[in-house]
Every structure is written in structure tokens, then in C-alpha cells.
Amino acid sequence: MTKLDKFMQNQGHGQFTYDVFKAAYDSDPKLQKLVTNFDQEKIEFKDSEMDDVNKLPGNPGRPSDAVGKMAKSATDLGDKL
């Protein structure tokens, strides 16, 4: 948050605080779609559309974990040969 405040001040936009960001976040659905989490110290932005999938209820893990397990299972021939 401190780095963002300094950047905004350097751009001539005045002081940028947690309260200013929270008010903007609460009122702007576009911003809500870009941010995954924030607090007084940091703002976490969405890396990709997969962030939305990872938040779904019942999702046992990251999709990449599932893909890795499937790939390992597909290539593990074990005693089948």
C-alpha cells in the first residue's frame, strides 16, 4: 500500500490510503474483479482467470495439481507392461 501511495503521489493524484482504496473497491465492480485480496499492507491482484476457478466451493486444489496427477497417472504404466 505504501508503494502505491508513493506512486499515486508522484503521478499528482494526492495521498492514497487504505480507506481510499477500500472505498474505491467497494464502489467499483471492475476493481472487485481485478483484486483477489487486500489489507492495510498489500493488495493482491488476480493473476489469471484460473483464480476464479480456485475460489469455487469444493475445489480440492489448484487445477494444475489435478492436471499433474492425471498426467502422472496416464504415464505410470507400472506392472501393466
PDB file of N, CA and C in Angstrom:
ATOM      1  N   MET A   1       0.833  -1.181   0.000  1.00  0.00           N
ATOM      2  CA  MET A   1       0.000   0.000   0.000  1.00  0.00           C
ATOM      3  C   MET A   1       0.884   1.254   0.000  1.00  0.00           C
ATOM      4  N   THR A   2       1.999   1.184   0.712  1.00  0.00           N
ATOM      5  CA  THR A   2       2.913   2.336   0.778  1.00  0.00           C
ATOM      6  C   THR A   2       3.489   2.660  -0.596  1.00  0.00           C
ATOM      7  N   LYS A   3       3.878   1.628  -1.348  1.00  0.00           N
ATOM      8  CA  LYS A   3       4.426   1.851  -2.691  1.00  0.00           C
ATOM      9  C   LYS A   3       3.380   2.455  -3.612  1.00  0.00           C
ATOM     10  N   LEU A   4       2.154   1.980  -3.503  1.00  0.00           N
ATOM     11  CA  LEU A   4       1.077   2.515  -4.328  1.00  0.00           C
ATOM     12  C   LEU A   4       0.805   3.970  -3.970  1.00  0.00           C
ATOM     13  N   ASP A   5       0.828   4.286  -2.688  1.00  0.00           N
ATOM     14  CA  ASP A   5       0.640   5.673  -2.247  1.00  0.00           C
ATOM     15  C   ASP A   5       1.713   6.568  -2.849  1.00  0.00           C
ATOM     16  N   LYS A   6       2.963   6.129  -2.782  1.00  0.00           N
ATOM     17  CA  LYS A   6       4.069   6.931  -3.317  1.00  0.00           C
ATOM     18  C   LYS A   6       3.916   7.110  -4.833  1.00  0.00           C
ATOM     19  N   PHE A   7       3.544   6.031  -5.527  1.00  0.00           N
ATOM     20  CA  PHE A   7       3.336   6.110  -6.969  1.00  0.00           C
ATOM     21  C   PHE A   7       2.228   7.110  -7.300  1.00  0.00           C
ATOM     22  N   MET A   8       1.115   7.018  -6.592  1.00  0.00           N
ATOM     23  CA  MET A   8      -0.015   7.910  -6.855  1.00  0.00           C
ATOM     24  C   MET A   8       0.366   9.370  -6.582  1.00  0.00           C
ATOM     25  N   GLN A   9       1.130   9.619  -5.522  1.00  0.00           N
ATOM     26  CA  GLN A   9       1.557  10.983  -5.224  1.00  0.00           C
ATOM     27  C   GLN A   9       2.491  11.504  -6.311  1.00  0.00           C
ATOM     28  N   ASN A  10       3.377  10.633  -6.800  1.00  0.00           N
ATOM     29  CA  ASN A  10       4.294  11.030  -7.878  1.00  0.00           C
ATOM     30  C   ASN A  10       3.539  11.339  -9.171  1.00  0.00           C
ATOM     31  N   GLN A  11       2.372  10.744  -9.340  1.00  0.00           N
ATOM     32  CA  GLN A  11       1.551  10.984 -10.524  1.00  0.00           C
ATOM     33  C   GLN A  11       0.631  12.196 -10.349  1.00  0.00           C
ATOM     34  N   GLY A  12       0.700  12.819  -9.164  1.00  0.00           N
ATOM     35  CA  GLY A  12      -0.097  14.003  -8.905  1.00  0.00           C
ATOM     36  C   GLY A  12      -1.528  13.713  -8.471  1.00  0.00           C
ATOM     37  N   HIS A  13      -1.764  12.504  -7.937  1.00  0.00           N
ATOM     38  CA  HIS A  13      -3.114  12.125  -7.532  1.00  0.00           C
ATOM     39  C   HIS A  13      -3.359  12.244  -6.034  1.00  0.00           C
ATOM     40  N   GLY A  14      -2.468  12.856  -5.303  1.00  0.00           N
ATOM     41  CA  GLY A  14      -2.667  13.040  -3.870  1.00  0.00           C
ATOM     42  C   GLY A  14      -2.395  11.782  -3.079  1.00  0.00           C
ATOM     43  N   GLN A  15      -2.741  11.857  -1.809  1.00  0.00           N
ATOM     44  CA  GLN A  15      -2.474  10.737  -0.906  1.00  0.00           C
ATOM     45  C   GLN A  15      -3.406   9.561  -1.216  1.00  0.00           C
ATOM     46  N   PHE A  16      -2.842   8.372  -1.182  1.00  0.00           N
ATOM     47  CA  PHE A  16      -3.602   7.150  -1.453  1.00  0.00           C
ATOM     48  C   PHE A  16      -3.471   6.254  -0.229  1.00  0.00           C
ATOM     49  N   THR A  17      -4.588   6.035   0.470  1.00  0.00           N
ATOM     50  CA  THR A  17      -4.567   5.268   1.709  1.00  0.00           C
ATOM     51  C   THR A  17      -5.435   4.019   1.570  1.00  0.00           C
ATOM     52  N   TYR A  18      -5.381   3.201   2.591  1.00  0.00           N
ATOM     53  CA  TYR A  18      -6.225   2.007   2.646  1.00  0.00           C
ATOM     54  C   TYR A  18      -7.699   2.400   2.539  1.00  0.00           C
ATOM     55  N   ASP A  19      -8.102   3.425   3.262  1.00  0.00           N
ATOM     56  CA  ASP A  19      -9.505   3.859   3.246  1.00  0.00           C
ATOM     57  C   ASP A  19      -9.937   4.324   1.859  1.00  0.00           C
ATOM     58  N   VAL A  20      -9.043   5.020   1.161  1.00  0.00           N
ATOM     59  CA  VAL A  20      -9.340   5.462  -0.201  1.00  0.00           C
ATOM     60  C   VAL A  20      -9.505   4.251  -1.109  1.00  0.00           C
ATOM     61  N   PHE A  21      -8.573   3.286  -0.990  1.00  0.00           N
ATOM     62  CA  PHE A  21      -8.666   2.084  -1.825  1.00  0.00           C
ATOM     63  C   PHE A  21      -9.931   1.297  -1.507  1.00  0.00           C
ATOM     64  N   LYS A  22     -10.241   1.116  -0.226  1.00  0.00           N
ATOM     65  CA  LYS A  22     -11.417   0.345   0.161  1.00  0.00           C
ATOM     66  C   LYS A  22     -12.692   0.979  -0.379  1.00  0.00           C
ATOM     67  N   ALA A  23     -12.783   2.290  -0.310  1.00  0.00           N
ATOM     68  CA  ALA A  23     -13.960   2.977  -0.845  1.00  0.00           C
ATOM     69  C   ALA A  23     -14.068   2.756  -2.354  1.00  0.00           C
ATOM     70  N   ALA A  24     -12.932   2.828  -3.051  1.00  0.00           N
ATOM     71  CA  ALA A  24     -12.945   2.586  -4.491  1.00  0.00           C
ATOM     72  C   ALA A  24     -13.325   1.140  -4.785  1.00  0.00           C
ATOM     73  N   TYR A  25     -12.763   0.208  -4.020  1.00  0.00           N
ATOM     74  CA  TYR A  25     -13.059  -1.219  -4.204  1.00  0.00           C
ATOM     75  C   TYR A  25     -14.544  -1.502  -3.971  1.00  0.00           C
ATOM     76  N   ASP A  26     -15.082  -0.970  -2.898  1.00  0.00           N
ATOM     77  CA  ASP A  26     -16.487  -1.217  -2.556  1.00  0.00           C
ATOM     78  C   ASP A  26     -17.454  -0.658  -3.599  1.00  0.00           C
ATOM     79  N   SER A  27     -17.063   0.396  -4.296  1.00  0.00           N
ATOM     80  CA  SER A  27     -17.980   1.049  -5.227  1.00  0.00           C
ATOM     81  C   SER A  27     -17.752   0.685  -6.695  1.00  0.00           C
ATOM     82  N   ASP A  28     -16.692  -0.067  -6.995  1.00  0.00           N
ATOM     83  CA  ASP A  28     -16.364  -0.333  -8.399  1.00  0.00           C
ATOM     84  C   ASP A  28     -16.275  -1.832  -8.686  1.00  0.00           C
ATOM     85  N   PRO A  29     -17.287  -2.419  -9.322  1.00  0.00           N
ATOM     86  CA  PRO A  29     -17.270  -3.852  -9.646  1.00  0.00           C
ATOM     87  C   PRO A  29     -16.088  -4.260 -10.524  1.00  0.00           C
ATOM     88  N   LYS A  30     -15.605  -3.344 -11.374  1.00  0.00           N
ATOM     89  CA  LYS A  30     -14.442  -3.660 -12.213  1.00  0.00           C
ATOM     90  C   LYS A  30     -13.212  -3.900 -11.347  1.00  0.00           C
ATOM     91  N   LEU A  31     -13.032  -3.069 -10.345  1.00  0.00           N
ATOM     92  CA  LEU A  31     -11.895  -3.222  -9.437  1.00  0.00           C
ATOM     93  C   LEU A  31     -12.039  -4.509  -8.627  1.00  0.00           C
ATOM     94  N   GLN A  32     -13.251  -4.836  -8.227  1.00  0.00           N
ATOM     95  CA  GLN A  32     -13.505  -6.065  -7.471  1.00  0.00           C
ATOM     96  C   GLN A  32     -13.128  -7.298  -8.281  1.00  0.00           C
ATOM     97  N   LYS A  33     -13.277  -7.232  -9.597  1.00  0.00           N
ATOM     98  CA  LYS A  33     -12.914  -8.357 -10.459  1.00  0.00           C
ATOM     99  C   LYS A  33     -11.400  -8.499 -10.625  1.00  0.00           C
ATOM    100  N   LEU A  34     -10.657  -7.417 -10.397  1.00  0.00           N
ATOM    101  CA  LEU A  34      -9.203  -7.435 -10.565  1.00  0.00           C
ATOM    102  C   LEU A  34      -8.445  -7.822  -9.305  1.00  0.00           C
ATOM    103  N   VAL A  35      -9.042  -7.588  -8.142  1.00  0.00           N
ATOM    104  CA  VAL A  35      -8.366  -7.774  -6.857  1.00  0.00           C
ATOM    105  C   VAL A  35      -8.863  -9.056  -6.189  1.00  0.00           C
ATOM    106  N   THR A  36      -7.928  -9.907  -5.747  1.00  0.00           N
ATOM    107  CA  THR A  36      -8.319 -11.134  -5.059  1.00  0.00           C
ATOM    108  C   THR A  36      -8.354 -10.948  -3.553  1.00  0.00           C
ATOM    109  N   ASN A  37      -7.511 -10.057  -3.021  1.00  0.00           N
ATOM    110  CA  ASN A  37      -7.439  -9.850  -1.582  1.00  0.00           C
ATOM    111  C   ASN A  37      -6.679  -8.549  -1.308  1.00  0.00           C
ATOM    112  N   PHE A  38      -7.002  -7.899  -0.205  1.00  0.00           N
ATOM    113  CA  PHE A  38      -6.236  -6.718   0.192  1.00  0.00           C
ATOM    114  C   PHE A  38      -6.400  -6.484   1.688  1.00  0.00           C
ATOM    115  N   ASP A  39      -5.415  -5.816   2.236  1.00  0.00           N
ATOM    116  CA  ASP A  39      -5.462  -5.388   3.628  1.00  0.00           C
ATOM    117  C   ASP A  39      -4.691  -4.076   3.728  1.00  0.00           C
ATOM    118  N   GLN A  40      -4.376  -3.651   4.928  1.00  0.00           N
ATOM    119  CA  GLN A  40      -3.711  -2.358   5.115  1.00  0.00           C
ATOM    120  C   GLN A  40      -2.280  -2.341   4.588  1.00  0.00           C
ATOM    121  N   GLU A  41      -1.700  -3.521   4.362  1.00  0.00           N
ATOM    122  CA  GLU A  41      -0.308  -3.602   3.924  1.00  0.00           C
ATOM    123  C   GLU A  41      -0.137  -3.904   2.438  1.00  0.00           C
ATOM    124  N   LYS A  42      -1.062  -4.685   1.855  1.00  0.00           N
ATOM    125  CA  LYS A  42      -0.844  -5.130   0.478  1.00  0.00           C
ATOM    126  C   LYS A  42      -2.157  -5.298  -0.276  1.00  0.00           C
ATOM    127  N   ILE A  43      -2.015  -5.320  -1.593  1.00  0.00           N
ATOM    128  CA  ILE A  43      -3.134  -5.585  -2.496  1.00  0.00           C
ATOM    129  C   ILE A  43      -2.696  -6.742  -3.384  1.00  0.00           C
ATOM    130  N   GLU A  44      -3.515  -7.770  -3.474  1.00  0.00           N
ATOM    131  CA  GLU A  44      -3.211  -8.919  -4.334  1.00  0.00           C
ATOM    132  C   GLU A  44      -4.144  -8.867  -5.542  1.00  0.00           C
ATOM    133  N   PHE A  45      -3.537  -8.829  -6.722  1.00  0.00           N
ATOM    134  CA  PHE A  45      -4.314  -8.782  -7.949  1.00  0.00           C
ATOM    135  C   PHE A  45      -4.454 -10.181  -8.537  1.00  0.00           C
ATOM    136  N   LYS A  46      -5.534 -10.384  -9.256  1.00  0.00           N
ATOM    137  CA  LYS A  46      -5.779 -11.656  -9.898  1.00  0.00           C
ATOM    138  C   LYS A  46      -4.723 -11.883 -10.970  1.00  0.00           C
ATOM    139  N   ASP A  47      -4.108 -13.085 -10.944  1.00  0.00           N
ATOM    140  CA  ASP A  47      -3.097 -13.430 -11.933  1.00  0.00           C
ATOM    141  C   ASP A  47      -3.735 -13.836 -13.260  1.00  0.00           C
ATOM    142  N   SER A  48      -4.849 -14.549 -13.181  1.00  0.00           N
ATOM    143  CA  SER A  48      -5.483 -15.065 -14.391  1.00  0.00           C
ATOM    144  C   SER A  48      -6.928 -15.441 -14.084  1.00  0.00           C
ATOM    145  N   GLU A  49      -7.620 -15.907 -15.087  1.00  0.00           N
ATOM    146  CA  GLU A  49      -8.992 -16.367 -14.898  1.00  0.00           C
ATOM    147  C   GLU A  49      -9.034 -17.591 -13.992  1.00  0.00           C
ATOM    148  N   MET A  50      -7.932 -18.310 -13.849  1.00  0.00           N
ATOM    149  CA  MET A  50      -7.894 -19.506 -13.003  1.00  0.00           C
ATOM    150  C   MET A  50      -8.066 -19.153 -11.537  1.00  0.00           C
ATOM    151  N   ASP A  51      -7.784 -17.918 -11.158  1.00  0.00           N
ATOM    152  CA  ASP A  51      -8.008 -17.506  -9.771  1.00  0.00           C
ATOM    153  C   ASP A  51      -9.478 -17.664  -9.397  1.00  0.00           C
ATOM    154  N   ASP A  52     -10.373 -17.389 -10.358  1.00  0.00           N
ATOM    155  CA  ASP A  52     -11.800 -17.549 -10.097  1.00  0.00           C
ATOM    156  C   ASP A  52     -12.150 -19.016  -9.882  1.00  0.00           C
ATOM    157  N   VAL A  53     -11.550 -19.905 -10.655  1.00  0.00           N
ATOM    158  CA  VAL A  53     -11.810 -21.342 -10.526  1.00  0.00           C
ATOM    159  C   VAL A  53     -11.322 -21.845  -9.178  1.00  0.00           C
ATOM    160  N   ASN A  54     -10.191 -21.353  -8.731  1.00  0.00           N
ATOM    161  CA  ASN A  54      -9.617 -21.799  -7.453  1.00  0.00           C
ATOM    162  C   ASN A  54     -10.489 -21.431  -6.265  1.00  0.00           C
ATOM    163  N   LYS A  55     -11.356 -20.438  -6.414  1.00  0.00           N
ATOM    164  CA  LYS A  55     -12.204 -19.996  -5.312  1.00  0.00           C
ATOM    165  C   LYS A  55     -13.518 -20.763  -5.232  1.00  0.00           C
ATOM    166  N   LEU A  56     -13.822 -21.584  -6.240  1.00  0.00           N
ATOM    167  CA  LEU A  56     -15.095 -22.286  -6.240  1.00  0.00           C
ATOM    168  C   LEU A  56     -15.203 -23.241  -5.058  1.00  0.00           C
ATOM    169  N   PRO A  57     -16.372 -23.326  -4.428  1.00  0.00           N
ATOM    170  CA  PRO A  57     -16.557 -24.261  -3.313  1.00  0.00           C
ATOM    171  C   PRO A  57     -16.354 -25.690  -3.793  1.00  0.00           C
ATOM    172  N   GLY A  58     -15.710 -26.476  -2.979  1.00  0.00           N
ATOM    173  CA  GLY A  58     -15.493 -27.886  -3.316  1.00  0.00           C
ATOM    174  C   GLY A  58     -14.297 -28.131  -4.208  1.00  0.00           C
ATOM    175  N   ASN A  59     -13.583 -27.078  -4.598  1.00  0.00           N
ATOM    176  CA  ASN A  59     -12.393 -27.271  -5.423  1.00  0.00           C
ATOM    177  C   ASN A  59     -11.286 -27.819  -4.525  1.00  0.00           C
ATOM    178  N   PRO A  60     -10.863 -29.072  -4.738  1.00  0.00           N
ATOM    179  CA  PRO A  60      -9.905 -29.701  -3.835  1.00  0.00           C
ATOM    180  C   PRO A  60      -8.487 -29.165  -3.934  1.00  0.00           C
ATOM    181  N   GLY A  61      -8.181 -28.440  -4.940  1.00  0.00           N
ATOM    182  CA  GLY A  61      -6.828 -27.910  -5.081  1.00  0.00           C
ATOM    183  C   GLY A  61      -6.714 -27.105  -6.344  1.00  0.00           C
ATOM    184  N   ARG A  62      -5.544 -26.660  -6.595  1.00  0.00           N
ATOM    185  CA  ARG A  62      -5.338 -25.882  -7.812  1.00  0.00           C
ATOM    186  C   ARG A  62      -5.512 -26.789  -9.024  1.00  0.00           C
ATOM    187  N   PRO A  63      -6.063 -26.265 -10.107  1.00  0.00           N
ATOM    188  CA  PRO A  63      -6.232 -27.080 -11.303  1.00  0.00           C
ATOM    189  C   PRO A  63      -4.932 -27.686 -11.789  1.00  0.00           C
ATOM    190  N   SER A  64      -3.817 -26.975 -11.635  1.00  0.00           N
ATOM    191  CA  SER A  64      -2.544 -27.510 -12.089  1.00  0.00           C
ATOM    192  C   SER A  64      -2.183 -28.775 -11.313  1.00  0.00           C
ATOM    193  N   ASP A  65      -2.581 -28.861 -10.034  1.00  0.00           N
ATOM    194  CA  ASP A  65      -2.330 -30.064  -9.249  1.00  0.00           C
ATOM    195  C   ASP A  65      -3.094 -31.237  -9.832  1.00  0.00           C
ATOM    196  N   ALA A  66      -4.340 -31.027 -10.199  1.00  0.00           N
ATOM    197  CA  ALA A  66      -5.163 -32.086 -10.759  1.00  0.00           C
ATOM    198  C   ALA A  66      -4.602 -32.538 -12.098  1.00  0.00           C
ATOM    199  N   VAL A  67      -4.176 -31.597 -12.907  1.00  0.00           N
ATOM    200  CA  VAL A  67      -3.612 -31.934 -14.211  1.00  0.00           C
ATOM    201  C   VAL A  67      -2.330 -32.736 -14.028  1.00  0.00           C
ATOM    202  N   GLY A  68      -1.507 -32.321 -13.094  1.00  0.00           N
ATOM    203  CA  GLY A  68      -0.271 -33.055 -12.827  1.00  0.00           C
ATOM    204  C   GLY A  68      -0.537 -34.480 -12.386  1.00  0.00           C
ATOM    205  N   LYS A  69      -1.531 -34.670 -11.525  1.00  0.00           N
ATOM    206  CA  LYS A  69      -1.875 -36.018 -11.066  1.00  0.00           C
ATOM    207  C   LYS A  69      -2.397 -36.878 -12.213  1.00  0.00           C
ATOM    208  N   MET A  70      -3.226 -36.277 -13.078  1.00  0.00           N
ATOM    209  CA  MET A  70      -3.748 -37.025 -14.223  1.00  0.00           C
ATOM    210  C   MET A  70      -2.619 -37.415 -15.170  1.00  0.00           C
ATOM    211  N   ALA A  71      -1.691 -36.499 -15.400  1.00  0.00           N
ATOM    212  CA  ALA A  71      -0.574 -36.791 -16.295  1.00  0.00           C
ATOM    213  C   ALA A  71       0.295 -37.900 -15.729  1.00  0.00           C
ATOM    214  N   LYS A  72       0.551 -37.854 -14.432  1.00  0.00           N
ATOM    215  CA  LYS A  72       1.356 -38.892 -13.805  1.00  0.00           C
ATOM    216  C   LYS A  72       0.644 -40.240 -13.892  1.00  0.00           C
ATOM    217  N   SER A  73      -0.653 -40.239 -13.639  1.00  0.00           N
ATOM    218  CA  SER A  73      -1.432 -41.465 -13.721  1.00  0.00           C
ATOM    219  C   SER A  73      -1.431 -42.024 -15.137  1.00  0.00           C
ATOM    220  N   ALA A  74      -1.516 -41.172 -16.123  1.00  0.00           N
ATOM    221  CA  ALA A  74      -1.556 -41.598 -17.517  1.00  0.00           C
ATOM    222  C   ALA A  74      -0.226 -42.166 -17.969  1.00  0.00           C
ATOM    223  N   THR A  75       0.870 -41.673 -17.395  1.00  0.00           N
ATOM    224  CA  THR A  75       2.182 -42.157 -17.823  1.00  0.00           C
ATOM    225  C   THR A  75       2.748 -43.245 -16.942  1.00  0.00           C
ATOM    226  N   ASP A  76       2.081 -43.544 -15.812  1.00  0.00           N
ATOM    227  CA  ASP A  76       2.550 -44.577 -14.901  1.00  0.00           C
ATOM    228  C   ASP A  76       2.009 -45.931 -15.368  1.00  0.00           C
ATOM    229  N   LEU A  77       2.839 -46.658 -16.076  1.00  0.00           N
ATOM    230  CA  LEU A  77       2.433 -47.948 -16.621  1.00  0.00           C
ATOM    231  C   LEU A  77       2.649 -49.080 -15.610  1.00  0.00           C
ATOM    232  N   GLY A  78       3.533 -48.867 -14.661  1.00  0.00           N
ATOM    233  CA  GLY A  78       3.783 -49.837 -13.599  1.00  0.00           C
ATOM    234  C   GLY A  78       3.893 -51.267 -14.104  1.00  0.00           C
ATOM    235  N   ASP A  79       3.115 -52.178 -13.544  1.00  0.00           N
ATOM    236  CA  ASP A  79       3.157 -53.597 -13.874  1.00  0.00           C
ATOM    237  C   ASP A  79       2.302 -53.936 -15.104  1.00  0.00           C
ATOM    238  N   LYS A  80       1.728 -52.939 -15.755  1.00  0.00           N
ATOM    239  CA  LYS A  80       0.824 -53.192 -16.877  1.00  0.00           C
ATOM    240  C   LYS A  80       1.545 -53.682 -18.118  1.00  0.00           C
ATOM    241  N   LEU A  81       2.851 -53.483 -18.201  1.00  0.00           N
ATOM    242  CA  LEU A  81       3.589 -53.917 -19.380  1.00  0.00           C
ATOM    243  C   LEU A  81       4.093 -55.313 -19.249  1.00  0.00           C
TER     244      LEU A  81
END
